[in-house]
Protein backbone atom coordinates (compact mmCIF):
# COMPACT_ATOMS: atom_id res chain seq x y z
CA MET A 1 -122.34 127.54 79.14
CA GLU A 2 -121.58 125.85 75.80
CA LYS A 3 -122.23 129.03 73.81
CA LEU A 4 -120.08 131.04 76.21
CA ILE A 5 -117.24 128.54 75.88
CA GLU A 6 -117.46 128.63 72.08
CA GLN A 7 -117.48 132.45 72.14
CA LEU A 8 -114.51 132.73 74.48
CA LYS A 9 -112.51 130.22 72.45
CA ARG A 10 -113.26 132.17 69.28
CA GLN A 11 -112.47 135.55 70.81
CA GLU A 12 -109.49 134.60 72.95
CA GLY A 13 -108.12 131.89 70.72
CA VAL A 14 -106.83 128.56 72.00
CA LYS A 15 -103.09 128.14 72.36
CA ARG A 16 -101.34 124.99 73.57
CA HIS A 17 -98.15 126.93 74.26
CA GLY A 18 -97.47 130.10 76.18
CA TYR A 19 -97.91 133.38 74.35
CA ARG A 20 -97.77 137.09 75.13
CA ASP A 21 -100.86 139.23 74.69
CA THR A 22 -100.87 142.81 73.34
CA ASN A 23 -99.87 144.05 76.82
CA GLY A 24 -96.96 141.62 77.01
CA LEU A 25 -98.63 139.38 79.61
CA LEU A 26 -97.99 135.64 79.45
CA HIS A 27 -101.04 133.47 78.69
CA ILE A 28 -101.79 129.85 77.84
CA GLY A 29 -104.84 127.86 76.76
CA CYS A 30 -107.87 130.04 76.26
CA GLY A 31 -106.64 133.35 77.61
CA ARG A 32 -105.39 132.08 81.01
CA ASN A 33 -103.09 134.74 82.40
CA ILE A 34 -100.13 132.96 83.98
CA ASP A 35 -97.89 136.00 84.25
CA GLY A 36 -96.82 136.42 87.86
CA ASP A 37 -94.35 139.25 87.31
CA THR A 38 -96.77 142.11 86.91
CA ALA A 39 -99.29 144.15 88.86
CA ARG A 40 -101.96 142.57 86.64
CA LYS A 41 -101.11 139.12 87.90
CA GLY A 42 -103.34 136.36 86.55
CA PRO A 43 -104.75 133.39 88.40
CA GLY A 44 -102.00 131.07 87.22
CA LEU A 45 -102.85 127.38 87.51
CA SER A 46 -104.78 125.69 90.29
CA MET A 47 -103.20 122.75 92.12
CA ARG A 48 -105.81 120.49 90.50
CA GLU A 49 -104.74 121.70 87.06
CA ILE A 50 -101.07 121.26 87.93
CA ASP A 51 -101.69 117.73 89.21
CA GLU A 52 -103.70 116.86 86.10
CA MET A 53 -100.98 118.20 83.81
CA LEU A 54 -98.33 116.30 85.76
CA GLN A 55 -100.33 113.06 85.56
CA ASN A 56 -100.73 113.54 81.80
CA ASP A 57 -97.00 114.18 81.40
CA ILE A 58 -96.09 111.10 83.46
CA GLU A 59 -98.45 108.97 81.37
CA ALA A 60 -96.89 110.36 78.18
CA SER A 61 -93.41 109.52 79.51
CA ILE A 62 -94.48 105.97 80.35
CA LYS A 63 -95.99 105.52 76.89
CA GLU A 64 -92.85 106.75 75.15
CA LEU A 65 -90.52 104.73 77.39
CA SER A 66 -92.60 101.59 76.81
CA LYS A 67 -92.35 102.02 73.04
CA THR A 68 -88.72 103.08 72.89
CA TYR A 69 -87.19 100.77 75.49
CA PRO A 70 -88.86 97.34 75.68
CA TRP A 71 -86.78 96.53 78.78
CA PHE A 72 -88.61 99.34 80.58
CA ASN A 73 -91.78 97.22 80.59
CA ASP A 74 -89.84 94.40 82.28
CA LEU A 75 -88.82 96.56 85.23
CA GLU A 76 -90.89 95.72 88.26
CA ASP A 77 -93.10 98.56 89.44
CA GLY A 78 -91.23 100.49 92.06
CA ALA A 79 -88.59 103.12 92.61
CA ARG A 80 -86.28 101.92 89.83
CA LYS A 81 -89.01 102.20 87.20
CA ASP A 82 -90.04 105.55 88.66
CA ALA A 83 -86.42 106.71 88.40
CA VAL A 84 -86.42 106.04 84.66
CA ILE A 85 -89.72 107.91 84.33
CA ASN A 86 -88.19 110.76 86.34
CA LEU A 87 -85.17 110.86 84.01
CA HIS A 88 -87.40 110.94 80.93
CA PHE A 89 -89.66 113.59 82.46
CA ASN A 90 -86.67 115.75 83.37
CA MET A 91 -84.58 115.39 80.21
CA GLY A 92 -87.09 114.50 77.54
CA GLY A 93 -86.74 111.54 75.22
CA PRO A 94 -84.09 112.88 72.82
CA THR A 95 -81.67 113.82 75.62
CA LEU A 96 -82.25 110.61 77.55
CA ALA A 97 -81.50 108.63 74.37
CA LYS A 98 -77.97 110.09 74.39
CA PHE A 99 -77.21 108.10 77.56
CA LYS A 100 -76.47 105.00 75.50
CA LYS A 101 -74.11 103.36 78.01
CA ALA A 102 -76.40 104.01 80.98
CA LEU A 103 -79.44 102.76 79.09
CA GLY A 104 -77.52 99.70 77.93
CA HIS A 105 -76.69 98.93 81.56
CA MET A 106 -80.33 99.40 82.53
CA LYS A 107 -81.35 96.97 79.79
CA ALA A 108 -78.81 94.43 81.06
CA GLY A 109 -79.89 94.89 84.66
CA ASN A 110 -76.51 96.37 85.64
CA HIS A 111 -78.03 99.06 87.79
CA SER A 112 -74.87 100.11 89.63
CA GLU A 113 -73.10 100.71 86.30
CA ALA A 114 -76.11 102.59 84.99
CA ALA A 115 -76.09 104.84 88.05
CA VAL A 116 -72.38 105.59 87.56
CA GLU A 117 -72.98 106.51 83.91
CA PHE A 118 -75.88 108.81 84.76
CA LEU A 119 -73.80 110.50 87.47
CA ASP A 120 -70.85 110.99 85.10
CA SER A 121 -72.70 113.56 83.01
CA ARG A 122 -73.46 117.20 82.51
CA TRP A 123 -77.04 116.41 83.56
CA ALA A 124 -75.84 115.31 87.02
CA LYS A 125 -73.86 118.53 87.42
CA GLN A 126 -76.88 120.60 86.36
CA VAL A 127 -79.48 118.98 88.62
CA LYS A 128 -77.11 118.24 91.54
CA GLY A 129 -79.07 116.59 94.38
CA ARG A 130 -81.76 115.33 92.04
CA SER A 131 -79.19 113.18 90.25
CA LEU A 132 -78.09 111.61 93.54
CA GLU A 133 -81.67 110.86 94.54
CA VAL A 134 -82.60 109.36 91.16
CA THR A 135 -79.44 107.25 90.87
CA ASP A 136 -79.92 105.98 94.43
CA MET A 137 -83.37 104.83 93.31
CA ILE A 138 -81.76 103.02 90.37
CA LEU A 139 -79.24 101.36 92.69
CA THR A 140 -81.57 100.30 95.49
CA ASN A 141 -85.05 100.18 93.90
CA THR A 142 -86.28 102.16 96.90
CA TYR A 143 -87.24 105.76 97.48
CA VAL A 144 -84.68 107.64 99.52
């Protein structure tokens, strides 16, 4: 198996980001066809792979939030902390950092003001119901 893996990696190449092959099909990793819009549809990702990727992304968000916002570590585990992770996961760090007022309110423990600031944004208009759910979590520290 090891020799086969080495061969396939050498022949297919290993790409961390999506790419199109010579037939225009979308691939990722070591030749994994993830193109679902063609008659030559690939296997895509298994639920196990999706769950593993999601777990890795959540852990990366937590690591970045912990480094960037020391107050994040002081949040008790629960829906409020998960809401901040959700925001980071959805927006990415650079966009989340632009919410200076909302983040300042989170740091101060003014969760109702933070929720108002997050809702008064282009992000809230773009994600609609998600913004209501996430800001309710910030307000109540419970899942809706």
